[in-house]
Amino acid sequence: MSLGPITQDSRLFHFLMLAMYSGQIRSFSSRDLLLFFIMWELELIPVYLLLSMWGGKKRLYSATKFILYTARACASITDTGLSGAILQIISHGFIGAALFFLAGTSYDRIRLVYLDEMGGVAIPMPKIFTMFSSFSMASLALPGMSGFVAEVLVFLGIITSQKYLLMPKIAITFVMAIGMILTPIYLLSMSRQIFYGYKLFNTPNSYVFDSGPRELFVSISIFISVISIGMYLDFVLSLSVDKVEGILSNYFYR
């Protein structure tokens, strides 16, 4: 869900934006696991307020769904699982930012926010369709992209963890599997309702135009990062291996 036009309380809006950025910066600069978790959760508060105050007609409903899905670093307490969790955070940052950006870009073109009012957008806007579809595939963990390797590492961390008995492992894996099954369903359903069919294409919309150089540059830059993480996993993990081992030895293995 994208934010609507900022026509009122602009000072509060920019304050919440700065609060969100502060939480994000503090999360990635934290050297303490507890502080990282606190700042990660506190970051969600300004995001919730931004969506609920400046969103669309169903802004409160969408903001509530956002906070429920996002407020969840569950830890398997293994180096594999923690590496996967870190990778998942980074991957979610890239993919989520791209989808929010493209959602706002699409709204600027077609001025529609409800899925049942859309359809056939792929015909007048093939570039946006291609980018939106690519990041949707990344979000549902298509092999070769950052979301896939992150989820695989989290799964392996749970399975190989010595901190859980067999039944808790089965329960956690089952819940994770349900999420992995539901994600492609709602993402593909969203893509079908927005981009396929002929509803919008048959409606005279002279103001509809495709992505410009700015949107292409931003989207391609993020997509290169998503692909690079999926293809060069060893290099990415080597950047955080010392931190992961330090966290495990300082907080769990002593």
Protein backbone atom coordinates (compact mmCIF):
# COMPACT_ATOMS: atom_id res chain seq x y z
CA MET A 1 0.00 0.00 0.00
CA SER A 2 1.44 3.40 -0.98
CA LEU A 3 1.04 6.67 0.89
CA GLY A 4 -1.44 9.20 -0.41
CA PRO A 5 -0.65 12.87 -1.18
CA ILE A 6 0.77 14.81 1.79
CA THR A 7 -1.75 17.65 2.05
CA GLN A 8 -2.00 18.04 5.84
CA ASP A 9 0.18 17.73 8.94
CA SER A 10 3.32 17.78 6.82
CA ARG A 11 5.53 18.43 9.86
CA LEU A 12 4.24 15.31 11.60
CA PHE A 13 4.73 13.33 8.40
CA HIS A 14 8.38 14.33 8.09
CA PHE A 15 8.95 13.72 11.81
CA LEU A 16 7.65 10.15 11.44
CA MET A 17 9.79 9.63 8.34
CA LEU A 18 12.88 10.72 10.25
CA ALA A 19 11.90 8.48 13.19
CA MET A 20 11.57 5.53 10.81
CA TYR A 21 14.98 6.22 9.25
CA SER A 22 16.54 6.61 12.71
CA GLY A 23 15.22 3.21 13.76
CA GLN A 24 16.55 1.60 10.60
CA ILE A 25 19.99 3.15 10.94
CA ARG A 26 20.19 2.20 14.63
CA SER A 27 19.13 -1.36 13.83
CA PHE A 28 21.97 -1.91 11.37
CA SER A 29 24.54 -0.12 13.52
CA SER A 30 23.68 -2.02 16.72
CA ARG A 31 26.34 -4.26 18.21
CA ASP A 32 24.02 -5.57 20.92
CA LEU A 33 21.41 -8.19 20.02
CA LEU A 34 18.80 -6.84 22.45
CA LEU A 35 19.21 -3.28 21.17
CA PHE A 36 18.92 -4.50 17.59
CA PHE A 37 15.64 -6.26 18.36
CA ILE A 38 14.21 -3.25 20.23
CA MET A 39 15.08 -0.79 17.46
CA TRP A 40 13.76 -3.15 14.78
CA GLU A 41 10.39 -3.34 16.52
CA LEU A 42 10.27 0.39 17.38
CA GLU A 43 10.86 1.18 13.72
CA LEU A 44 7.46 -0.32 12.95
CA ILE A 45 5.61 2.28 15.04
CA PRO A 46 6.23 5.29 12.74
CA VAL A 47 5.58 3.08 9.70
CA TYR A 48 2.23 2.04 11.17
CA LEU A 49 1.32 5.68 11.87
CA LEU A 50 2.38 6.77 8.37
CA LEU A 51 0.18 4.14 6.74
CA SER A 52 -2.78 4.67 9.04
CA MET A 53 -2.77 8.47 8.69
CA TRP A 54 -1.71 9.06 5.08
CA GLY A 55 -2.78 5.84 3.38
CA GLY A 56 -5.79 5.23 1.13
CA LYS A 57 -9.41 4.55 2.02
CA LYS A 58 -8.58 1.30 3.85
CA ARG A 59 -5.47 2.73 5.48
CA LEU A 60 -6.19 1.50 9.01
CA TYR A 61 -6.94 -2.04 7.80
CA SER A 62 -3.78 -2.12 5.67
CA ALA A 63 -1.63 -0.67 8.44
CA THR A 64 -2.91 -3.30 10.89
CA LYS A 65 -2.10 -6.09 8.44
CA PHE A 66 1.36 -4.62 7.91
CA ILE A 67 2.18 -4.55 11.61
CA LEU A 68 0.91 -8.11 12.12
CA TYR A 69 2.99 -9.51 9.25
CA THR A 70 6.16 -7.55 10.02
CA ALA A 71 6.35 -7.70 13.84
CA ARG A 72 7.56 -11.25 14.07
CA ALA A 73 15.87 -11.46 13.82
CA CYS A 74 12.11 -16.38 15.80
CA ALA A 75 15.66 -17.63 16.19
CA SER A 76 17.07 -21.10 15.64
CA ILE A 77 20.17 -20.14 17.68
CA THR A 78 22.58 -21.53 15.06
CA ASP A 79 25.07 -19.77 12.82
CA THR A 80 23.13 -20.92 9.74
CA GLY A 81 19.79 -19.74 11.08
CA LEU A 82 21.12 -16.39 12.28
CA SER A 83 22.87 -15.80 8.95
CA GLY A 84 19.58 -16.58 7.21
CA ALA A 85 17.71 -14.16 9.48
CA ILE A 86 20.17 -11.35 8.71
CA LEU A 87 19.94 -12.14 5.00
CA GLN A 88 16.15 -12.18 5.25
CA ILE A 89 16.15 -8.68 6.78
CA ILE A 90 18.39 -7.34 4.00
CA SER A 91 16.38 -9.12 1.31
CA HIS A 92 13.10 -7.88 2.75
CA GLY A 93 14.49 -4.35 2.76
CA PHE A 94 15.36 -4.47 -0.94
CA ILE A 95 12.25 -6.28 -2.16
CA GLY A 96 9.79 -4.46 0.10
CA ALA A 97 11.22 -1.08 -0.86
CA ALA A 98 10.95 -1.94 -4.56
CA LEU A 99 7.35 -3.13 -4.28
CA PHE A 100 6.33 -0.02 -2.32
CA PHE A 101 8.07 2.14 -4.91
CA LEU A 102 6.37 0.40 -7.82
CA ALA A 103 3.00 0.52 -6.06
CA GLY A 104 3.33 4.28 -5.74
CA THR A 105 4.52 4.54 -9.34
CA SER A 106 1.54 2.55 -10.57
CA TYR A 107 -0.86 4.73 -8.58
CA ASP A 108 0.63 7.87 -10.13
CA ARG A 109 -0.17 6.41 -13.56
CA ILE A 110 -3.63 4.90 -13.18
CA ARG A 111 -4.98 6.63 -10.03
CA LEU A 112 -6.58 3.41 -8.79
CA VAL A 113 -6.00 1.68 -5.44
CA TYR A 114 -8.51 -1.19 -5.34
CA LEU A 115 -7.66 -4.44 -7.08
CA ASP A 116 -11.21 -5.06 -8.29
CA GLU A 117 -11.04 -1.77 -10.24
CA MET A 118 -7.86 -2.74 -12.06
CA GLY A 119 -7.03 -5.13 -14.88
CA GLY A 120 -4.99 -5.17 -18.06
CA VAL A 121 -2.35 -2.75 -16.76
CA ALA A 122 0.38 -4.85 -18.41
CA ILE A 123 -0.76 -3.68 -21.86
CA PRO A 124 -0.31 0.10 -21.47
CA MET A 125 2.57 -0.25 -18.94
CA PRO A 126 4.75 -3.23 -19.94
CA LYS A 127 7.90 -1.92 -18.19
CA ILE A 128 6.17 -1.49 -14.84
CA PHE A 129 4.55 -4.90 -15.33
CA THR A 130 7.96 -6.51 -15.91
CA MET A 131 9.53 -4.87 -12.85
CA PHE A 132 6.54 -5.57 -10.61
CA SER A 133 6.45 -9.21 -11.70
CA SER A 134 10.20 -9.61 -11.17
CA PHE A 135 10.08 -8.33 -7.60
CA SER A 136 6.95 -10.37 -6.90
CA MET A 137 8.91 -13.48 -7.93
CA ALA A 138 11.74 -12.41 -5.65
CA SER A 139 9.29 -11.91 -2.77
CA LEU A 140 7.85 -15.41 -3.17
CA ALA A 141 11.41 -16.80 -2.97
CA LEU A 142 12.10 -17.77 -6.57
CA PRO A 143 15.41 -19.72 -6.76
CA GLY A 144 18.36 -17.57 -7.69
CA MET A 145 17.13 -14.51 -5.80
CA SER A 146 17.84 -13.20 -2.31
CA GLY A 147 14.54 -14.32 -0.77
CA PHE A 148 15.13 -17.94 -1.73
CA VAL A 149 18.60 -18.30 -0.19
CA ALA A 150 17.47 -16.50 2.98
CA GLU A 151 14.52 -18.84 3.51
CA VAL A 152 16.63 -21.91 2.78
CA LEU A 153 19.17 -20.86 5.42
CA VAL A 154 16.42 -20.23 7.97
CA PHE A 155 14.96 -23.67 7.25
CA LEU A 156 18.37 -25.32 7.60
CA GLY A 157 18.99 -23.43 10.82
CA ILE A 158 15.78 -24.78 12.36
CA ILE A 159 16.35 -28.33 11.14
CA THR A 160 19.97 -28.55 12.33
CA SER A 161 19.47 -26.69 15.60
CA GLN A 162 20.35 -28.60 18.76
CA LYS A 163 18.24 -26.26 20.92
CA TYR A 164 14.89 -27.71 19.85
CA LEU A 165 13.38 -31.14 20.21
CA LEU A 166 11.86 -32.95 17.24
CA MET A 167 8.24 -31.87 17.79
CA PRO A 168 9.02 -28.13 18.14
CA LYS A 169 11.10 -28.38 14.97
CA ILE A 170 8.19 -29.97 13.13
CA ALA A 171 5.74 -27.35 14.42
CA ILE A 172 7.98 -24.39 13.50
CA THR A 173 8.75 -25.85 10.07
CA PHE A 174 5.05 -26.45 9.45
CA VAL A 175 4.15 -22.84 10.28
CA MET A 176 6.95 -21.56 8.05
CA ALA A 177 5.81 -23.83 5.23
CA ILE A 178 2.28 -22.43 5.45
CA GLY A 179 3.68 -18.93 5.02
CA MET A 180 5.76 -20.03 2.04
CA ILE A 181 2.67 -21.54 0.42
CA LEU A 182 0.41 -18.54 1.08
CA THR A 183 2.94 -15.99 -0.20
CA PRO A 184 2.87 -17.13 -3.86
CA ILE A 185 -0.94 -17.36 -3.69
CA TYR A 186 -1.55 -13.74 -2.70
CA LEU A 187 1.30 -12.34 -4.80
CA LEU A 188 0.21 -14.13 -7.97
CA SER A 189 -3.42 -13.24 -7.26
CA MET A 190 -2.43 -9.58 -6.92
CA SER A 191 -0.48 -9.67 -10.18
CA ARG A 192 -3.37 -11.31 -11.99
CA GLN A 193 -5.88 -8.71 -10.82
CA ILE A 194 -3.64 -5.74 -11.61
CA PHE A 195 -1.93 -6.68 -14.85
CA TYR A 196 -4.03 -9.25 -16.67
CA GLY A 197 -7.41 -8.94 -18.38
CA TYR A 198 -8.68 -6.04 -20.46
CA LYS A 199 -10.73 -3.94 -18.02
CA LEU A 200 -8.37 -0.97 -17.81
CA PHE A 201 -7.11 -1.27 -21.37
CA ASN A 202 -10.62 -0.92 -22.80
CA THR A 203 -11.25 2.18 -20.68
CA PRO A 204 -10.12 5.46 -22.25
CA ASN A 205 -7.21 6.59 -20.03
CA SER A 206 -5.15 9.07 -21.98
CA TYR A 207 -3.01 9.90 -18.92
CA VAL A 208 -1.66 6.34 -18.53
CA PHE A 209 2.03 6.16 -19.47
CA ASP A 210 4.77 3.66 -18.77
CA SER A 211 7.83 3.82 -16.55
CA GLY A 212 10.36 6.59 -17.18
CA PRO A 213 14.17 6.62 -16.80
CA ARG A 214 13.95 7.47 -13.09
CA GLU A 215 11.75 4.47 -12.24
CA LEU A 216 13.84 2.16 -14.42
CA PHE A 217 17.09 3.27 -12.78
CA VAL A 218 15.78 2.78 -9.23
CA SER A 219 14.13 -0.58 -9.97
CA ILE A 220 17.05 -2.03 -11.91
CA SER A 221 19.53 -0.94 -9.23
CA ILE A 222 17.55 -2.74 -6.54
CA PHE A 223 16.98 -5.79 -8.73
CA ILE A 224 20.72 -6.15 -9.37
CA SER A 225 21.24 -6.25 -5.61
CA VAL A 226 18.53 -8.92 -5.21
CA ILE A 227 20.08 -11.09 -7.93
CA SER A 228 23.61 -10.55 -6.66
CA ILE A 229 22.73 -11.77 -3.16
CA GLY A 230 21.13 -14.89 -4.63
CA MET A 231 24.03 -15.65 -6.98
CA TYR A 232 26.98 -14.74 -4.74
CA LEU A 233 25.79 -16.10 -1.42
CA ASP A 234 29.22 -17.12 -0.11
CA PHE A 235 30.59 -13.62 -0.51
CA VAL A 236 27.57 -12.05 1.20
CA LEU A 237 27.74 -14.46 4.14
CA SER A 238 31.47 -13.87 4.53
CA LEU A 239 30.71 -10.23 5.38
CA SER A 240 28.68 -11.21 8.46
CA VAL A 241 30.28 -14.47 9.62
CA ASP A 242 32.38 -12.81 12.35
CA LYS A 243 29.38 -10.90 13.72
CA VAL A 244 27.22 -14.03 13.73
CA GLU A 245 29.81 -16.07 15.59
CA GLY A 246 30.33 -13.23 18.05
CA ILE A 247 26.60 -12.95 18.79
CA LEU A 248 26.24 -16.70 19.31
CA SER A 249 29.30 -17.01 21.52
CA ASN A 250 28.51 -13.95 23.63
CA TYR A 251 24.77 -14.48 24.17
CA PHE A 252 23.94 -18.15 23.72
CA TYR A 253 26.99 -20.36 24.14
CA ARG A 254 28.41 -18.99 27.36
